[in-house]
Amino acid sequence: VYVKMFTNSPFLVCMDLARSREELIDPKYLWIGPDGKNLTGRTHVNLSETGKLMVVGFTESMSGAYTCILSHKIIEITTQEEREVLEAYKFVVYAYREADHAYQMSVRFTTRECERAANGQFFGELQRILTDIISDLMCHLTHSSYKCRAVKTPKQSLLHELFVSFQVSPFAPGWEEVCRRAPYDCEEATNGRVEEARDRIGEFFQRQTYVLKHMLQTVPAIHYVASSFSAIYVDSCQPGFGKNDLTHKSCANCCVVCNPGTYSPTNQGTCWICRRPRVWEYGARSC
């Protein structure tokens, strides 16, 4: 069972389909939580008299196995003897989040030749400028790199171009404080910030085309290739969550809480196995 963070779980019913179609005499229900303790009287659960369980305001730590023990009586018609029957039902419940968006971006610049120190200097300056453009959004650049390649285009001589790629992530230092000010789960606010970052960067490169055409008399040695900017969104998960379409086939596109013994320290969307885990809990960010 998968429950979105900070929402209520669906009702878990303490019986199977076949049993639900039968008459039960003196049924009693005992729900045991992931910590192995009786859930009766807990403030975060809603228990009905018919054995239904709802977990309220679901968080990572509420993930785990929920077990219900159903007891009821069977009465022999001829002898009127009573016999008590016990049956156990187990539900494994996982917290999940909707995937956050990051953007994989690429852009190209013409340069005079590949073996120039100025290429690396230019790349560093470009990173600084783009970082400044989006820093107030609590977004930052990750996986930044560039390669210089020779390019032959129709009706032109051989050119040299810098192929620049980077990812824009909404998880710059301080993002958690921004999320605390958002109501409950901040997926909408997070995705809004990274989309604003995408738009700002896109406008920056659009302006480069205008500047080259209308404002510069001499074209710089390294300059933007018109219309080369692209931005493709990719899913990312908050730390403590990851995607696994094999383990969680029913929620393949969800960011599911990491199982005990695994962890996810970043937003890469993968729960890694701890070699020597010290803490066995759901949603670990480190071992």
Protein backbone atom coordinates (compact mmCIF):
# COMPACT_ATOMS: atom_id res chain seq x y z
CA VAL A 1 0.00 0.00 0.00
CA TYR A 2 1.38 3.42 -0.97
CA VAL A 3 0.37 6.57 0.91
CA LYS A 4 1.29 10.06 -0.22
CA MET A 5 3.19 12.06 2.37
CA PHE A 6 1.03 14.05 4.83
CA THR A 7 -2.23 12.50 3.61
CA ASN A 8 -4.38 9.85 5.25
CA SER A 9 -4.00 6.24 4.25
CA PRO A 10 -6.92 4.37 2.71
CA PHE A 11 -8.80 2.16 5.14
CA LEU A 12 -7.01 -1.14 5.67
CA VAL A 13 -9.59 -3.86 6.22
CA CYS A 14 -8.84 -6.66 8.66
CA MET A 15 -10.04 -9.54 6.48
CA ASP A 16 -9.77 -10.91 2.97
CA LEU A 17 -12.44 -10.75 0.28
CA ALA A 18 -13.79 -14.22 1.01
CA ARG A 19 -14.11 -13.51 4.74
CA SER A 20 -15.88 -10.20 4.07
CA ARG A 21 -18.74 -12.13 2.44
CA GLU A 22 -19.29 -14.33 5.48
CA GLU A 23 -21.06 -13.83 8.78
CA LEU A 24 -18.69 -13.33 11.74
CA ILE A 25 -19.66 -14.06 15.33
CA ASP A 26 -18.10 -11.96 18.10
CA PRO A 27 -15.36 -10.52 15.90
CA LYS A 28 -12.47 -8.77 17.59
CA TYR A 29 -9.64 -6.90 15.94
CA LEU A 30 -6.12 -6.21 17.16
CA TRP A 31 -3.90 -3.94 15.07
CA ILE A 32 -0.13 -3.98 15.58
CA GLY A 33 2.03 -1.16 14.17
CA PRO A 34 5.51 -1.30 12.60
CA ASP A 35 7.03 -0.88 16.06
CA GLY A 36 5.34 -4.09 17.23
CA LYS A 37 2.95 -2.29 19.59
CA ASN A 38 -0.83 -2.16 19.84
CA LEU A 39 -2.27 0.74 17.85
CA THR A 40 -5.33 1.16 20.04
CA GLY A 41 -5.43 4.66 21.51
CA ARG A 42 -2.72 6.09 19.25
CA THR A 43 -3.45 9.64 18.12
CA HIS A 44 -2.30 9.11 14.53
CA VAL A 45 -4.69 6.25 13.75
CA ASN A 46 -8.41 5.92 13.19
CA LEU A 47 -9.76 2.52 14.18
CA SER A 48 -13.34 1.51 13.44
CA GLU A 49 -15.38 -1.06 15.34
CA THR A 50 -15.46 -3.20 12.21
CA GLY A 51 -11.68 -3.55 12.11
CA LYS A 52 -10.78 -0.85 9.61
CA LEU A 53 -7.55 1.11 10.12
CA MET A 54 -6.68 4.55 8.74
CA VAL A 55 -3.28 6.12 9.46
CA VAL A 56 -3.60 9.91 9.65
CA GLY A 57 -1.02 12.40 8.35
CA PHE A 58 1.34 9.77 6.96
CA THR A 59 5.09 10.39 7.20
CA GLU A 60 8.25 8.38 6.47
CA SER A 61 8.49 6.98 9.99
CA MET A 62 4.99 5.51 9.75
CA SER A 63 6.06 3.21 6.92
CA GLY A 64 6.34 -0.48 7.62
CA ALA A 65 4.30 -3.60 8.32
CA TYR A 66 0.85 -3.25 9.87
CA THR A 67 -0.59 -6.52 11.16
CA CYS A 68 -4.17 -7.19 12.15
CA ILE A 69 -5.23 -10.23 14.13
CA LEU A 70 -8.88 -11.11 13.63
CA SER A 71 -10.54 -13.38 16.17
CA HIS A 72 -14.07 -14.71 15.81
CA LYS A 73 -16.10 -17.67 16.96
CA ILE A 74 -17.49 -20.65 15.13
CA ILE A 75 -20.49 -22.35 16.76
CA GLU A 76 -21.27 -25.97 15.97
CA ILE A 77 -24.97 -26.16 15.14
CA THR A 78 -25.57 -29.61 16.60
CA THR A 79 -23.58 -29.33 19.83
CA GLN A 80 -23.56 -25.53 20.24
CA GLU A 81 -19.89 -25.77 21.06
CA GLU A 82 -17.87 -22.60 20.49
CA ARG A 83 -14.48 -22.53 18.85
CA GLU A 84 -12.34 -19.41 18.52
CA VAL A 85 -10.48 -18.84 15.27
CA LEU A 86 -7.52 -16.48 14.84
CA GLU A 87 -6.45 -15.09 11.47
CA ALA A 88 -3.66 -12.60 10.74
CA TYR A 89 -3.49 -10.11 7.87
CA LYS A 90 -0.39 -8.13 7.05
CA PHE A 91 -0.08 -4.88 5.09
CA VAL A 92 3.24 -3.30 4.15
CA VAL A 93 2.66 0.44 3.85
CA TYR A 94 5.10 2.87 2.19
CA ALA A 95 5.20 6.66 2.24
CA TYR A 96 5.76 8.24 -1.16
CA ARG A 97 6.13 11.65 -2.77
CA GLU A 98 5.39 12.83 -6.26
CA ALA A 99 8.62 13.24 -8.21
CA ASP A 100 10.22 16.67 -8.15
CA HIS A 101 11.39 18.21 -11.39
CA ALA A 102 14.94 19.00 -12.32
CA TYR A 103 15.98 20.21 -15.77
CA GLN A 104 18.74 18.80 -17.93
CA MET A 105 20.02 21.66 -20.07
CA SER A 106 22.45 21.92 -22.94
CA VAL A 107 23.83 24.80 -24.97
CA ARG A 108 26.57 25.36 -27.55
CA PHE A 109 29.16 28.08 -28.13
CA THR A 110 31.45 28.63 -31.08
CA THR A 111 35.14 28.92 -30.20
CA ARG A 112 38.26 29.45 -32.29
CA GLU A 113 39.93 26.18 -31.39
CA CYS A 114 39.64 23.44 -28.80
CA GLU A 115 43.12 23.70 -27.30
CA ARG A 116 42.58 27.04 -25.62
CA ALA A 117 42.81 27.84 -21.94
CA ALA A 118 40.14 30.46 -22.56
CA ASN A 119 37.57 27.70 -23.08
CA GLY A 120 37.84 26.50 -19.49
CA GLN A 121 37.86 30.06 -18.19
CA PHE A 122 34.74 30.82 -20.19
CA PHE A 123 32.99 27.71 -18.85
CA GLY A 124 33.76 28.73 -15.27
CA GLU A 125 32.46 32.26 -15.86
CA LEU A 126 29.30 30.89 -17.48
CA GLN A 127 28.65 28.71 -14.44
CA ARG A 128 29.06 31.73 -12.15
CA ILE A 129 26.62 33.83 -14.18
CA LEU A 130 23.96 31.12 -14.34
CA THR A 131 24.35 30.42 -10.62
CA ASP A 132 23.76 34.11 -9.84
CA ILE A 133 20.65 34.15 -12.02
CA ILE A 134 18.91 31.38 -10.04
CA SER A 135 20.49 31.56 -6.57
CA ASP A 136 17.56 33.40 -4.96
CA LEU A 137 15.28 30.53 -6.02
CA MET A 138 17.25 28.01 -3.92
CA CYS A 139 18.16 26.26 -7.17
CA HIS A 140 21.67 25.37 -8.26
CA LEU A 141 23.66 23.79 -11.08
CA THR A 142 24.78 20.17 -10.86
CA HIS A 143 26.57 17.77 -13.22
CA SER A 144 28.06 20.67 -15.16
CA SER A 145 30.53 19.81 -17.92
CA TYR A 146 31.66 20.81 -21.38
CA LYS A 147 33.45 19.25 -24.33
CA CYS A 148 34.98 20.91 -27.34
CA ARG A 149 34.13 19.25 -30.65
CA ALA A 150 34.83 19.83 -34.32
CA VAL A 151 31.64 20.43 -36.28
CA LYS A 152 31.17 20.34 -40.06
CA THR A 153 27.97 21.97 -41.28
CA PRO A 154 26.71 22.24 -44.88
CA LYS A 155 28.28 25.07 -46.91
CA GLN A 156 30.63 26.03 -44.06
CA SER A 157 34.19 25.22 -43.12
CA LEU A 158 35.06 23.15 -40.05
CA LEU A 159 34.00 24.86 -36.82
CA HIS A 160 34.90 24.27 -33.19
CA GLU A 161 32.15 24.36 -30.63
CA LEU A 162 31.81 23.97 -26.88
CA PHE A 163 29.01 21.54 -25.99
CA VAL A 164 27.93 22.60 -22.49
CA SER A 165 25.56 20.55 -20.34
CA PHE A 166 24.30 20.97 -16.80
CA GLN A 167 21.35 20.15 -14.61
CA VAL A 168 19.29 22.65 -12.63
CA SER A 169 18.15 21.24 -9.30
CA PRO A 170 15.72 22.81 -6.79
CA PHE A 171 17.73 21.50 -3.83
CA ALA A 172 20.40 24.14 -3.25
CA PRO A 173 21.55 24.62 0.36
CA GLY A 174 18.66 26.21 2.25
CA TRP A 175 15.86 24.52 0.30
CA GLU A 176 14.60 22.72 3.40
CA GLU A 177 13.98 26.02 5.18
CA VAL A 178 11.94 27.19 2.19
CA CYS A 179 9.91 23.99 2.39
CA ARG A 180 9.18 24.53 6.07
CA ARG A 181 7.38 27.73 5.13
CA ALA A 182 5.27 25.87 2.56
CA PRO A 183 2.11 24.03 3.65
CA TYR A 184 2.96 20.40 4.33
CA ASP A 185 4.62 18.75 1.37
CA CYS A 186 6.28 21.42 -0.75
CA GLU A 187 6.26 19.62 -4.11
CA GLU A 188 4.28 22.38 -5.81
CA ALA A 189 6.56 25.11 -4.46
CA THR A 190 9.68 23.12 -5.36
CA ASN A 191 8.55 22.50 -8.92
CA GLY A 192 7.52 26.14 -9.25
CA ARG A 193 11.00 27.29 -8.24
CA VAL A 194 12.82 25.06 -10.72
CA GLU A 195 10.45 26.07 -13.53
CA GLU A 196 11.19 29.72 -12.79
CA ALA A 197 14.91 28.88 -12.91
CA ARG A 198 14.40 27.22 -16.31
CA ASP A 199 12.62 30.30 -17.64
CA ARG A 200 15.31 32.69 -16.40
CA ILE A 201 18.12 30.68 -17.95
CA GLY A 202 16.19 30.36 -21.20
CA GLU A 203 15.66 34.14 -21.33
CA PHE A 204 19.38 34.66 -20.69
CA PHE A 205 20.35 32.64 -23.75
CA GLN A 206 17.62 34.18 -25.89
CA ARG A 207 19.12 37.55 -25.08
CA GLN A 208 22.54 36.36 -26.29
CA THR A 209 21.13 36.03 -29.81
CA TYR A 210 19.77 39.58 -29.69
CA VAL A 211 23.02 40.99 -28.31
CA LEU A 212 25.10 39.31 -31.03
CA LYS A 213 22.85 40.63 -33.80
CA HIS A 214 22.09 44.14 -32.61
CA MET A 215 24.47 45.30 -29.90
CA LEU A 216 27.97 44.06 -30.73
CA GLN A 217 30.11 45.37 -33.56
CA THR A 218 32.74 42.66 -33.10
CA VAL A 219 31.75 39.06 -32.49
CA PRO A 220 33.56 37.60 -29.43
CA ALA A 221 35.96 34.69 -29.90
CA ILE A 222 33.53 32.50 -27.91
CA HIS A 223 29.89 33.19 -28.62
CA TYR A 224 26.47 31.57 -28.34
CA VAL A 225 25.16 29.37 -31.15
CA ALA A 226 21.65 30.63 -31.91
CA SER A 227 18.77 28.33 -30.89
CA SER A 228 21.14 25.76 -29.37
CA PHE A 229 19.70 25.99 -25.86
CA SER A 230 17.46 23.11 -24.77
CA ALA A 231 15.87 22.15 -21.47
CA ILE A 232 14.37 18.72 -20.77
CA TYR A 233 12.81 17.99 -17.42
CA VAL A 234 13.83 14.91 -15.52
CA ASP A 235 12.34 13.49 -12.37
CA SER A 236 14.20 13.71 -9.10
CA CYS A 237 13.42 12.56 -5.57
CA GLN A 238 14.05 14.26 -2.27
CA PRO A 239 16.71 12.73 0.00
CA GLY A 240 15.42 9.62 1.75
CA PHE A 241 13.29 8.63 -1.25
CA GLY A 242 13.97 6.84 -4.51
CA LYS A 243 12.45 5.16 -7.55
CA ASN A 244 12.49 1.43 -8.21
CA ASP A 245 10.16 0.05 -10.86
CA LEU A 246 11.08 -3.51 -9.89
CA THR A 247 10.50 -3.34 -6.14
CA HIS A 248 7.58 -0.92 -6.42
CA LYS A 249 5.83 -1.89 -9.65
CA SER A 250 2.52 -0.48 -8.40
CA CYS A 251 4.10 2.93 -7.88
CA ALA A 252 6.87 2.91 -10.49
CA ASN A 253 6.78 6.68 -11.09
CA CYS A 254 6.62 7.52 -7.39
CA CYS A 255 9.45 8.54 -5.11
CA VAL A 256 9.05 5.85 -2.46
CA VAL A 257 10.61 6.01 0.98
CA CYS A 258 13.89 4.07 1.19
CA ASN A 259 13.64 0.73 2.98
CA PRO A 260 15.57 0.08 6.19
CA GLY A 261 19.17 -0.75 5.32
CA THR A 262 19.13 1.57 2.31
CA TYR A 263 19.63 5.32 2.01
CA SER A 264 19.44 8.22 -0.42
CA PRO A 265 21.65 11.21 0.47
CA THR A 266 20.81 13.36 -2.55
CA ASN A 267 18.03 13.99 -5.06
CA GLN A 268 19.33 11.45 -7.60
CA GLY A 269 16.32 9.20 -7.01
CA THR A 270 18.14 6.01 -6.00
CA CYS A 271 18.11 4.20 -2.66
CA TRP A 272 21.57 2.73 -2.15
CA ILE A 273 22.29 -0.33 -0.01
CA CYS A 274 24.22 0.40 3.18
CA ARG A 275 27.25 -1.82 3.53
CA ARG A 276 27.28 -1.45 7.30
CA PRO A 277 24.01 0.19 8.31
CA ARG A 278 23.92 1.75 11.77
CA VAL A 279 20.27 2.77 11.76
CA TRP A 280 17.44 0.58 10.50
CA GLU A 281 14.73 3.07 9.64
CA TYR A 282 12.66 4.15 6.66
CA GLY A 283 13.75 7.24 4.76
CA ALA A 284 17.41 7.24 5.78
CA ARG A 285 19.64 9.89 4.21
CA SER A 286 22.85 8.27 5.38
CA CYS A 287 24.04 4.98 6.84
